[in-house]
Amino acid sequence: MRHSRALLPAFAVTTLFLTAACSSAPAPHSEPAAAAGPGRQSGADDSPADGTEHALTVAAAPTPAATATATSSPGGSRARAHRTTLTVGSYDSRTRRAVITEGPKSGGNSPSAPTPTSPPAARHRAAVGDVIASAPAPGAPRGLLAKVTKVVGDTDRGTEVQTEPATLNALLGDGTAKGDVPVDPASFTVDKLLPDVTVSWSKAGDVHVGPKGSTVPLGSLRLDVRAEVPTAEDAPVSAGASLKGFVQVAPQVDFAYGGNGSTAAPGSAYLGVSGNWRSGWAVRGRAAAATGTPLRVPFAKLHADPVLQVGPVPVVVNLDLTCYLQVSGDGHVTVDVEQSLKGDFTAGGTFGAGRGWTPVSSSDIRSTPVRASLTTAGSLKTALGAEASVGLYGAVGVTADLAPYLRGEAAGSVTTASAAKKPAARITWGVYGGVDLSGTLRLQLSVFGTPVLRRSVPLGALHHEWKLANGTSAS
């Protein structure tokens, strides 16, 4: 199998500092926001003057030149983030040590290290108790969320600090945020796992044309694949099977947070992935699973680290997609089937203070008219799907497996009207479309600052199937 790698432009890097607040007196209580699923909402970055619950804008992070960083000083659970130019120059995941530097005065993708003659005040800006939320940085390719536990000292690269894991509620406090942000298709890194895979995508101002001159819709990523499918050992050469198809998806990240007036735990939270889906494929020949169990063949792996700007806080979301084709069949039925599906899907987890984490999953994917032909008795099921995982700062929180499929089955009988006539075979067949959606909530969702899950929680299997075509044939 040939392995190739296509790199697409990545999201911009931002950094934020917020001093973790400790207060001897509890903050006034505010009603927690309702546990939220996906949906757009915008608000102000800054808190109101009276200190009441405040809304934070959720949007894709701006370009490096326009991106602000932030910090705050201790001041109780309602401490707010402010803009700063500090950045994470490097991070060692083994020792959990980071080097903090003064960022560039204007654009650029990498922080500028202070010179040895920099004033001490400019080089000693990190302090014990600071909480660091950083977009992808050297040594932390999936972002960094950490608390400073010790200032080791100054180096020629900046201030070295020792850190420990932190949680988002230490940054967002009593704020509220809710939004869904599309993932730029150009931000994905794509690993092609089969030789005949084509990647197409489009975004505003840079449209890439898909196969046969068809334009990929704005904001969508499309992968076309052709592959030979295993056949039964006793199948004739003429029964060789093949699959040709495409997956087209416009993914978005869904994020929500509702503070409860203290940094102990949020009142609500949500993390998920959703989007528009379209796929189509054709299978021809006599396909079979090699061992009687479904044969799954990944054909592309995709990864992106979109940065959500939640008020002044850069929240790094890690999104992985593995596109695959799957075949299960007995190798007896010869098929010539084709179908096209489109719709949308949602998978995620929602947290409420009174009920903990619960799964969210839905799918509204349906097929368009199908062309189908089956001969001889047997069964075949093919799927062209995607496994997705979404997390924060390198900690996976939700996994989902979306598997639209096409299933065909045929049953035969042999009849004869008289001894003078040859036996006639009658084949009764049916073709069905369907979609399966399954997944898991993971322990790492505690990155919000919520209680740790005692175990992984299944999303619950979502299954829809519908009849596409059926008939009877005689030979």
Protein backbone atom coordinates (compact mmCIF):
# COMPACT_ATOMS: atom_id res chain seq x y z
CA MET A 1 0.00 0.00 0.00
CA ARG A 2 1.43 3.35 -0.98
CA HIS A 3 1.40 6.04 1.68
CA SER A 4 1.40 9.71 0.80
CA ARG A 5 0.85 12.89 2.75
CA ALA A 6 -0.78 16.14 1.69
CA LEU A 7 -0.30 19.20 3.90
CA LEU A 8 -2.86 21.98 3.90
CA PRO A 9 -2.44 25.38 5.63
CA ALA A 10 -2.95 25.34 9.43
CA PHE A 11 -4.78 27.58 11.86
CA ALA A 12 -3.02 30.53 13.46
CA VAL A 13 -1.31 30.43 16.87
CA THR A 14 -2.49 32.54 19.83
CA THR A 15 -1.66 32.56 23.56
CA LEU A 16 -3.50 33.58 26.72
CA PHE A 17 -2.54 33.98 30.37
CA LEU A 18 -5.05 34.21 33.17
CA THR A 19 -4.03 34.22 36.82
CA ALA A 20 -5.95 31.54 38.71
CA ALA A 21 -7.96 33.35 41.34
CA CYS A 22 -8.28 32.31 44.97
CA SER A 23 -10.73 34.11 47.26
CA SER A 24 -11.49 33.56 50.93
CA ALA A 25 -15.10 34.67 50.44
CA PRO A 26 -17.42 32.93 47.97
CA ALA A 27 -18.55 34.93 44.96
CA PRO A 28 -22.24 35.82 44.57
CA HIS A 29 -24.13 32.96 42.99
CA SER A 30 -25.56 33.29 39.51
CA GLU A 31 -27.93 30.89 37.84
CA PRO A 32 -26.08 28.44 35.57
CA ALA A 33 -26.74 28.67 31.89
CA ALA A 34 -28.87 25.86 30.50
CA ALA A 35 -26.88 22.94 29.19
CA ALA A 36 -26.43 23.87 25.59
CA GLY A 37 -26.01 22.02 22.36
CA PRO A 38 -24.78 23.50 19.10
CA GLY A 39 -25.98 26.91 17.99
CA ARG A 40 -24.58 30.34 17.27
CA GLN A 41 -24.47 33.04 19.91
CA SER A 42 -22.35 36.12 20.26
CA GLY A 43 -21.70 38.49 23.12
CA ALA A 44 -19.19 40.98 24.44
CA ASP A 45 -15.63 40.10 25.38
CA ASP A 46 -15.62 42.38 28.40
CA SER A 47 -17.57 41.86 31.59
CA PRO A 48 -20.26 44.33 32.60
CA ALA A 49 -19.40 46.97 35.17
CA ASP A 50 -21.70 45.48 37.82
CA GLY A 51 -19.91 42.12 37.78
CA THR A 52 -22.95 40.11 36.72
CA GLU A 53 -22.81 37.06 34.49
CA HIS A 54 -21.35 38.02 31.11
CA ALA A 55 -21.49 36.55 27.64
CA LEU A 56 -18.37 35.74 25.64
CA THR A 57 -18.14 35.73 21.87
CA VAL A 58 -17.35 32.38 20.24
CA ALA A 59 -15.64 32.69 16.87
CA ALA A 60 -12.77 31.34 14.83
CA ALA A 61 -9.47 32.83 15.99
CA PRO A 62 -8.23 35.71 13.84
CA THR A 63 -4.99 35.83 11.90
CA PRO A 64 -1.69 36.00 13.85
CA ALA A 65 -1.27 39.72 13.25
CA ALA A 66 -4.73 40.50 14.63
CA THR A 67 -4.79 37.96 17.46
CA ALA A 68 -4.57 39.35 21.00
CA THR A 69 -3.29 37.49 24.03
CA ALA A 70 -4.55 38.14 27.54
CA THR A 71 -3.76 38.00 31.25
CA SER A 72 -5.35 39.01 34.54
CA SER A 73 -4.38 39.58 38.15
CA PRO A 74 -5.78 37.76 41.19
CA GLY A 75 -9.13 39.17 42.20
CA GLY A 76 -11.53 36.43 43.20
CA SER A 77 -13.51 34.01 41.09
CA ARG A 78 -14.69 36.81 38.79
CA ALA A 79 -11.21 37.73 37.54
CA ARG A 80 -11.24 38.70 33.88
CA ALA A 81 -8.75 38.10 31.12
CA HIS A 82 -6.90 41.08 29.63
CA ARG A 83 -4.71 41.43 26.59
CA THR A 84 -0.97 40.83 26.73
CA THR A 85 1.90 39.96 24.39
CA LEU A 86 3.24 36.92 26.26
CA THR A 87 3.62 33.66 24.33
CA VAL A 88 4.69 30.07 24.92
CA GLY A 89 8.11 29.86 23.28
CA SER A 90 8.46 26.11 23.92
CA TYR A 91 7.01 23.29 26.01
CA ASP A 92 8.37 19.91 27.14
CA SER A 93 5.49 17.44 27.60
CA ARG A 94 7.72 15.03 29.58
CA THR A 95 8.82 17.51 32.26
CA ARG A 96 5.86 19.89 31.81
CA ARG A 97 8.22 22.83 31.68
CA ALA A 98 7.47 25.80 29.45
CA VAL A 99 9.46 28.84 28.36
CA ILE A 100 7.47 32.07 28.36
CA THR A 101 8.60 34.86 26.06
CA GLU A 102 7.51 38.33 25.09
CA GLY A 103 5.61 38.03 21.82
CA PRO A 104 6.27 40.03 18.64
CA LYS A 105 5.10 43.60 18.53
CA SER A 106 3.30 42.97 15.25
CA GLY A 107 2.49 40.01 12.96
CA GLY A 108 4.51 36.85 12.60
CA ASN A 109 4.00 33.21 13.35
CA SER A 110 6.67 32.74 15.99
CA PRO A 111 7.34 34.61 19.22
CA SER A 112 10.42 36.79 19.47
CA ALA A 113 12.64 35.86 22.40
CA PRO A 114 13.81 38.70 24.68
CA THR A 115 17.39 39.78 24.38
CA PRO A 116 19.80 39.35 27.34
CA THR A 117 19.54 43.11 27.95
CA SER A 118 15.74 43.06 28.26
CA PRO A 119 14.54 44.77 31.46
CA PRO A 120 13.85 42.26 34.28
CA ALA A 121 10.23 43.40 34.50
CA ALA A 122 9.67 42.45 30.87
CA ARG A 123 11.22 39.02 31.37
CA HIS A 124 9.57 38.11 34.70
CA ARG A 125 5.93 38.39 33.71
CA ALA A 126 4.98 34.75 34.53
CA ALA A 127 4.15 33.98 38.16
CA VAL A 128 3.06 31.04 40.28
CA GLY A 129 -0.70 30.60 39.93
CA ASP A 130 -0.89 31.83 36.34
CA VAL A 131 -3.05 29.67 34.09
CA ILE A 132 -1.74 29.30 30.53
CA ALA A 133 -4.04 28.70 27.60
CA SER A 134 -1.99 28.53 24.43
CA ALA A 135 -2.80 27.74 20.84
CA PRO A 136 -0.45 25.25 19.11
CA ALA A 137 3.13 26.13 20.07
CA PRO A 138 6.56 24.48 19.81
CA GLY A 139 6.35 21.28 21.86
CA ALA A 140 2.56 21.57 22.23
CA PRO A 141 1.18 20.93 18.73
CA ARG A 142 -2.37 20.45 20.07
CA GLY A 143 -2.34 23.51 22.31
CA LEU A 144 -1.55 23.89 26.00
CA LEU A 145 -3.73 24.40 29.06
CA ALA A 146 -1.58 24.50 32.21
CA LYS A 147 -1.03 26.23 35.56
CA VAL A 148 2.33 27.65 36.65
CA THR A 149 3.51 25.95 39.85
CA LYS A 150 7.08 27.29 39.94
CA VAL A 151 9.15 29.97 38.24
CA VAL A 152 12.43 28.20 37.48
CA GLY A 153 14.27 31.29 36.26
CA ASP A 154 15.31 33.38 33.30
CA THR A 155 17.09 31.98 30.28
CA ASP A 156 18.31 33.54 27.06
CA ARG A 157 15.02 32.32 25.51
CA GLY A 158 12.66 33.71 28.19
CA THR A 159 11.29 32.74 31.60
CA GLU A 160 11.23 29.00 32.30
CA VAL A 161 8.33 27.76 34.43
CA GLN A 162 7.13 24.44 35.83
CA THR A 163 3.48 23.64 35.12
CA GLU A 164 0.68 21.21 35.94
CA PRO A 165 -2.61 20.50 34.10
CA ALA A 166 -5.33 23.13 34.44
CA THR A 167 -9.02 23.33 33.54
CA LEU A 168 -11.05 25.77 31.46
CA ASN A 169 -13.27 26.97 34.28
CA ALA A 170 -10.20 28.61 35.82
CA LEU A 171 -10.13 30.79 32.69
CA LEU A 172 -13.79 31.32 31.87
CA GLY A 173 -15.02 31.65 35.47
CA ASP A 174 -18.65 32.79 35.59
CA GLY A 175 -18.82 33.69 31.90
CA THR A 176 -21.20 32.11 29.40
CA ALA A 177 -20.41 31.13 25.84
CA LYS A 178 -22.18 29.22 23.10
CA GLY A 179 -21.36 28.89 19.43
CA ASP A 180 -20.63 26.63 16.50
CA VAL A 181 -17.62 27.44 14.36
CA PRO A 182 -16.99 25.89 10.91
CA VAL A 183 -13.60 24.25 10.48
CA ASP A 184 -11.66 25.71 7.57
CA PRO A 185 -11.23 22.82 5.09
CA ALA A 186 -7.80 24.21 4.19
CA SER A 187 -6.63 23.69 7.79
CA PHE A 188 -6.71 19.89 7.60
CA THR A 189 -3.60 17.79 7.26
CA VAL A 190 -4.51 14.78 5.12
CA ASP A 191 -2.75 11.41 5.09
CA LYS A 192 -3.77 9.31 2.08
CA LEU A 193 -3.79 5.63 3.01
CA LEU A 194 -4.73 4.19 -0.40
CA PRO A 195 -3.12 4.97 -3.76
CA ASP A 196 -6.23 6.27 -5.52
CA VAL A 197 -7.50 9.01 -3.20
CA THR A 198 -8.19 12.57 -4.38
CA VAL A 199 -8.65 15.51 -1.99
CA SER A 200 -10.70 18.57 -2.97
CA TRP A 201 -11.84 21.51 -0.87
CA SER A 202 -13.05 25.08 -1.12
CA LYS A 203 -13.06 28.20 0.99
CA ALA A 204 -13.84 31.83 0.33
CA GLY A 205 -11.52 33.22 -2.29
CA ASP A 206 -9.79 29.89 -3.00
CA VAL A 207 -12.06 27.37 -4.69
CA HIS A 208 -10.67 23.99 -5.66
CA VAL A 209 -12.59 22.08 -8.30
CA GLY A 210 -13.55 18.49 -7.61
CA PRO A 211 -13.47 15.49 -9.97
CA LYS A 212 -15.01 15.84 -13.43
CA GLY A 213 -15.25 19.61 -13.07
CA SER A 214 -17.82 19.59 -10.27
CA THR A 215 -17.27 22.44 -7.81
CA VAL A 216 -16.96 21.47 -4.16
CA PRO A 217 -19.42 23.55 -2.07
CA LEU A 218 -17.92 26.40 -0.08
CA GLY A 219 -16.51 25.25 3.24
CA SER A 220 -16.54 21.57 2.31
CA LEU A 221 -13.82 18.96 2.13
CA ARG A 222 -14.22 16.09 -0.34
CA LEU A 223 -12.32 12.82 -0.68
CA ASP A 224 -12.78 10.54 -3.70
CA VAL A 225 -11.59 6.95 -3.56
CA ARG A 226 -11.33 3.95 -5.86
CA ALA A 227 -10.40 0.54 -4.49
CA GLU A 228 -10.48 -3.13 -5.31
CA VAL A 229 -12.63 -5.11 -2.86
CA PRO A 230 -11.73 -8.67 -1.75
CA THR A 231 -13.75 -11.48 -3.31
CA ALA A 232 -14.47 -15.00 -2.15
CA GLU A 233 -11.67 -17.52 -2.71
CA ASP A 234 -13.79 -19.64 -5.06
CA ALA A 235 -15.09 -16.67 -7.07
CA PRO A 236 -14.26 -16.61 -10.81
CA VAL A 237 -11.96 -13.91 -12.15
CA SER A 238 -14.93 -12.22 -13.83
CA ALA A 239 -16.52 -11.66 -10.40
CA GLY A 240 -13.79 -9.26 -9.21
CA ALA A 241 -15.30 -6.51 -7.09
CA SER A 242 -14.54 -2.79 -6.94
CA LEU A 243 -15.80 0.25 -5.05
CA LYS A 244 -15.82 3.82 -6.25
CA GLY A 245 -17.14 6.66 -4.12
CA PHE A 246 -16.69 9.95 -2.31
CA VAL A 247 -17.19 11.51 1.10
CA GLN A 248 -17.93 15.22 1.34
CA VAL A 249 -18.17 16.88 4.74
CA ALA A 250 -18.36 20.44 6.09
CA PRO A 251 -17.49 19.91 9.78
CA GLN A 252 -18.00 22.41 12.56
CA VAL A 253 -17.06 22.46 16.23
CA ASP A 254 -19.84 23.06 18.76
CA PHE A 255 -18.85 24.64 22.08
CA ALA A 256 -20.79 25.91 25.07
CA TYR A 257 -19.94 26.93 28.63
CA GLY A 258 -22.04 28.31 31.45
CA GLY A 259 -20.38 29.59 34.62
CA ASN A 260 -22.07 29.26 38.00
CA GLY A 261 -20.49 32.12 39.88
CA SER A 262 -17.37 30.32 41.08
CA THR A 263 -14.35 28.46 39.69
CA ALA A 264 -15.28 25.20 41.47
CA ALA A 265 -17.15 23.83 38.43
CA PRO A 266 -19.23 25.24 35.58
CA GLY A 267 -23.01 25.05 35.64
CA SER A 268 -23.12 23.71 32.09
CA ALA A 269 -20.86 22.73 29.21
CA TYR A 270 -21.03 21.20 25.75
CA LEU A 271 -18.49 19.88 23.27
CA GLY A 272 -19.31 18.22 20.00
CA VAL A 273 -18.82 17.95 16.28
CA SER A 274 -21.50 18.35 13.63
CA GLY A 275 -21.84 19.22 10.00
CA ASN A 276 -23.30 18.59 6.59
CA TRP A 277 -22.56 15.22 5.04
CA ARG A 278 -22.76 13.90 1.52
CA SER A 279 -21.48 10.63 0.15
CA GLY A 280 -22.03 8.40 -2.82
CA TRP A 281 -20.57 5.12 -3.97
CA ALA A 282 -20.98 2.25 -6.38
CA VAL A 283 -20.08 -1.39 -5.81
CA ARG A 284 -19.76 -3.93 -8.59
CA GLY A 285 -18.80 -7.58 -8.55
CA ARG A 286 -18.90 -10.38 -6.00
CA ALA A 287 -17.48 -8.96 -2.77
CA ALA A 288 -16.78 -10.84 0.44
CA ALA A 289 -15.30 -10.22 3.85
CA ALA A 290 -12.03 -12.10 4.20
CA THR A 291 -12.92 -13.93 7.43
CA GLY A 292 -16.68 -13.63 7.58
CA THR A 293 -16.45 -10.47 9.71
CA PRO A 294 -16.76 -6.94 8.30
CA LEU A 295 -13.63 -5.78 6.51
CA ARG A 296 -12.81 -2.12 7.29
CA VAL A 297 -10.24 -0.31 5.15
CA PRO A 298 -9.26 3.27 6.14
CA PHE A 299 -8.40 5.34 3.09
CA ALA A 300 -7.59 8.75 4.59
CA LYS A 301 -6.77 10.31 7.97
CA LEU A 302 -7.37 14.00 8.59
CA HIS A 303 -6.40 16.28 11.46
CA ALA A 304 -7.00 19.92 12.33
CA ASP A 305 -6.49 22.06 15.44
CA PRO A 306 -8.96 24.92 15.03
CA VAL A 307 -8.61 27.69 17.60
CA LEU A 308 -11.85 29.11 18.97
CA GLN A 309 -11.64 32.60 20.38
CA VAL A 310 -13.96 32.47 23.41
CA GLY A 311 -13.90 36.10 24.47
CA PRO A 312 -10.15 36.72 24.85
CA VAL A 313 -9.44 33.04 25.54
CA PRO A 314 -8.00 30.85 22.74
CA VAL A 315 -9.63 27.42 23.12
CA VAL A 316 -7.82 24.80 21.02
CA VAL A 317 -10.04 22.04 19.64
CA ASN A 318 -8.42 18.88 18.26
CA LEU A 319 -10.40 17.27 15.46
CA ASP A 320 -9.47 13.95 13.87
CA LEU A 321 -11.33 12.19 11.05
CA THR A 322 -10.61 8.76 9.61
CA CYS A 323 -12.52 8.01 6.41
CA TYR A 324 -13.01 4.33 5.64
CA LEU A 325 -14.80 1.85 3.45
CA GLN A 326 -16.25 -1.31 4.95
CA VAL A 327 -17.49 -4.49 3.32
CA SER A 328 -19.28 -7.49 4.75
CA GLY A 329 -20.64 -10.23 2.50
CA ASP A 330 -20.62 -13.93 1.81
CA GLY A 331 -19.09 -13.67 -1.65
CA HIS A 332 -22.09 -15.37 -3.25
CA VAL A 333 -24.11 -12.44 -4.55
CA THR A 334 -23.03 -10.46 -7.61
CA VAL A 335 -24.07 -6.83 -7.35
CA ASP A 336 -24.19 -3.67 -9.37
CA VAL A 337 -25.49 -1.05 -6.95
CA GLU A 338 -25.10 2.68 -6.54
CA GLN A 339 -26.49 5.25 -4.13
CA SER A 340 -26.03 8.84 -2.98
CA LEU A 341 -26.73 10.19 0.51
CA LYS A 342 -26.87 13.63 2.07
CA GLY A 343 -27.92 15.21 5.33
CA ASP A 344 -26.43 16.31 8.63
CA PHE A 345 -25.18 14.83 11.88
CA THR A 346 -24.35 15.84 15.47
CA ALA A 347 -22.32 14.00 18.11
CA GLY A 348 -21.17 15.31 21.46
CA GLY A 349 -21.57 15.49 25.20
CA THR A 350 -23.50 17.95 27.36
CA PHE A 351 -23.01 18.68 31.05
CA GLY A 352 -25.57 19.90 33.55
CA ALA A 353 -24.82 20.53 37.22
CA GLY A 354 -27.71 18.31 38.34
CA ARG A 355 -27.19 15.37 35.97
CA GLY A 356 -23.54 15.26 34.95
CA TRP A 357 -22.43 14.37 31.44
CA THR A 358 -24.93 12.91 28.97
CA PRO A 359 -24.47 12.01 25.30
CA VAL A 360 -25.92 13.88 22.33
CA SER A 361 -26.26 12.20 18.92
CA SER A 362 -28.51 12.76 15.94
CA SER A 363 -28.45 12.18 12.22
CA ASP A 364 -30.74 13.15 9.37
CA ILE A 365 -29.10 11.48 6.39
CA ARG A 366 -31.23 10.13 3.54
CA SER A 367 -30.53 8.63 0.16
CA THR A 368 -31.43 9.76 -3.31
CA PRO A 369 -32.74 7.30 -5.96
CA VAL A 370 -30.61 4.22 -6.33
CA ARG A 371 -29.62 1.97 -9.18
CA ALA A 372 -29.46 -1.67 -8.11
CA SER A 373 -29.05 -5.13 -9.57
CA LEU A 374 -28.39 -8.36 -7.65
CA THR A 375 -28.02 -11.87 -9.04
CA THR A 376 -27.78 -15.23 -7.27
CA ALA A 377 -28.57 -15.71 -3.59
CA GLY A 378 -26.44 -14.08 -0.92
CA SER A 379 -25.82 -10.87 1.02
CA LEU A 380 -23.58 -7.83 0.84
CA LYS A 381 -23.25 -4.68 2.95
CA THR A 382 -20.95 -1.78 2.15
CA ALA A 383 -20.33 1.42 4.12
CA LEU A 384 -18.45 4.60 3.35
CA GLY A 385 -18.07 6.35 6.68
CA ALA A 386 -15.90 8.34 9.04
CA GLU A 387 -14.63 8.00 12.60
CA ALA A 388 -14.33 11.35 14.36
CA SER A 389 -12.77 12.42 17.63
CA VAL A 390 -12.95 15.88 19.17
CA GLY A 391 -11.08 17.12 22.22
CA LEU A 392 -9.49 20.13 23.87
CA TYR A 393 -5.75 20.82 24.22
CA GLY A 394 -4.81 17.23 23.30
CA ALA A 395 -7.36 15.49 25.57
CA VAL A 396 -9.95 13.53 23.57
CA GLY A 397 -13.47 14.09 24.89
CA VAL A 398 -15.86 12.66 22.30
CA THR A 399 -15.49 9.93 19.67
CA ALA A 400 -18.11 9.21 17.02
CA ASP A 401 -18.46 6.75 14.15
CA LEU A 402 -20.79 7.81 11.33
CA ALA A 403 -21.42 4.94 8.92
CA PRO A 404 -23.90 5.42 6.06
CA TYR A 405 -24.31 2.03 4.39
CA LEU A 406 -25.90 0.13 1.55
CA ARG A 407 -27.19 -3.41 2.16
CA GLY A 408 -28.37 -5.93 -0.40
CA GLU A 409 -29.71 -9.43 0.08
CA ALA A 410 -31.11 -12.01 -2.29
CA ALA A 411 -32.82 -15.37 -1.78
CA GLY A 412 -33.33 -17.90 -4.55
CA SER A 413 -35.41 -20.93 -5.32
CA VAL A 414 -35.44 -23.47 -8.16
CA THR A 415 -38.72 -24.57 -9.72
CA THR A 416 -39.70 -26.78 -12.66
CA ALA A 417 -43.10 -27.00 -14.37
CA SER A 418 -42.57 -30.44 -15.92
CA ALA A 419 -39.90 -33.00 -16.54
CA ALA A 420 -39.57 -31.73 -20.09
CA LYS A 421 -38.49 -28.26 -19.02
CA LYS A 422 -35.25 -27.13 -17.51
CA PRO A 423 -35.39 -25.93 -13.88
CA ALA A 424 -35.89 -22.16 -13.52
CA ALA A 425 -34.26 -20.11 -10.81
CA ARG A 426 -36.15 -17.24 -9.21
CA ILE A 427 -34.25 -14.61 -7.23
CA THR A 428 -36.07 -12.34 -4.83
CA TRP A 429 -33.88 -9.43 -3.81
CA GLY A 430 -33.93 -6.18 -1.85
CA VAL A 431 -31.60 -3.21 -1.43
CA TYR A 432 -31.64 -1.07 1.72
CA GLY A 433 -29.96 2.17 2.69
CA GLY A 434 -29.14 3.10 6.25
CA VAL A 435 -26.93 4.99 8.66
CA ASP A 436 -25.35 3.99 11.97
CA LEU A 437 -24.03 6.54 14.45
CA SER A 438 -22.22 5.45 17.59
CA GLY A 439 -19.54 6.82 19.89
CA THR A 440 -18.24 7.44 23.40
CA LEU A 441 -17.82 10.23 25.95
CA ARG A 442 -14.38 10.10 27.53
CA LEU A 443 -12.92 10.85 30.95
CA GLN A 444 -10.96 13.77 29.51
CA LEU A 445 -14.10 15.92 29.27
CA SER A 446 -13.12 16.96 32.81
CA VAL A 447 -10.90 19.56 31.08
CA PHE A 448 -13.93 21.88 31.48
CA GLY A 449 -13.49 21.63 35.26
CA THR A 450 -16.47 19.30 35.66
CA PRO A 451 -16.41 16.18 37.86
CA VAL A 452 -14.41 13.34 36.31
CA LEU A 453 -16.44 10.63 34.58
CA ARG A 454 -16.14 7.34 36.44
CA ARG A 455 -16.10 5.51 33.12
CA SER A 456 -16.49 6.15 29.43
CA VAL A 457 -20.15 6.71 28.49
CA PRO A 458 -21.47 5.33 25.18
CA LEU A 459 -23.29 7.81 22.96
CA GLY A 460 -25.86 5.12 22.28
CA ALA A 461 -26.35 3.44 18.92
CA LEU A 462 -28.43 5.43 16.46
CA HIS A 463 -29.72 3.28 13.60
CA HIS A 464 -31.95 4.12 10.64
CA GLU A 465 -32.67 1.90 7.64
CA TRP A 466 -35.00 2.27 4.66
CA LYS A 467 -35.86 0.24 1.56
CA LEU A 468 -34.40 1.53 -1.69
CA ALA A 469 -35.40 -1.09 -4.23
CA ASN A 470 -36.60 -4.67 -4.48
CA GLY A 471 -37.68 -7.15 -7.14
CA THR A 472 -37.79 -10.67 -8.48
CA SER A 473 -35.80 -12.04 -11.37
CA ALA A 474 -35.88 -15.38 -13.15
CA SER A 475 -33.32 -17.22 -15.17
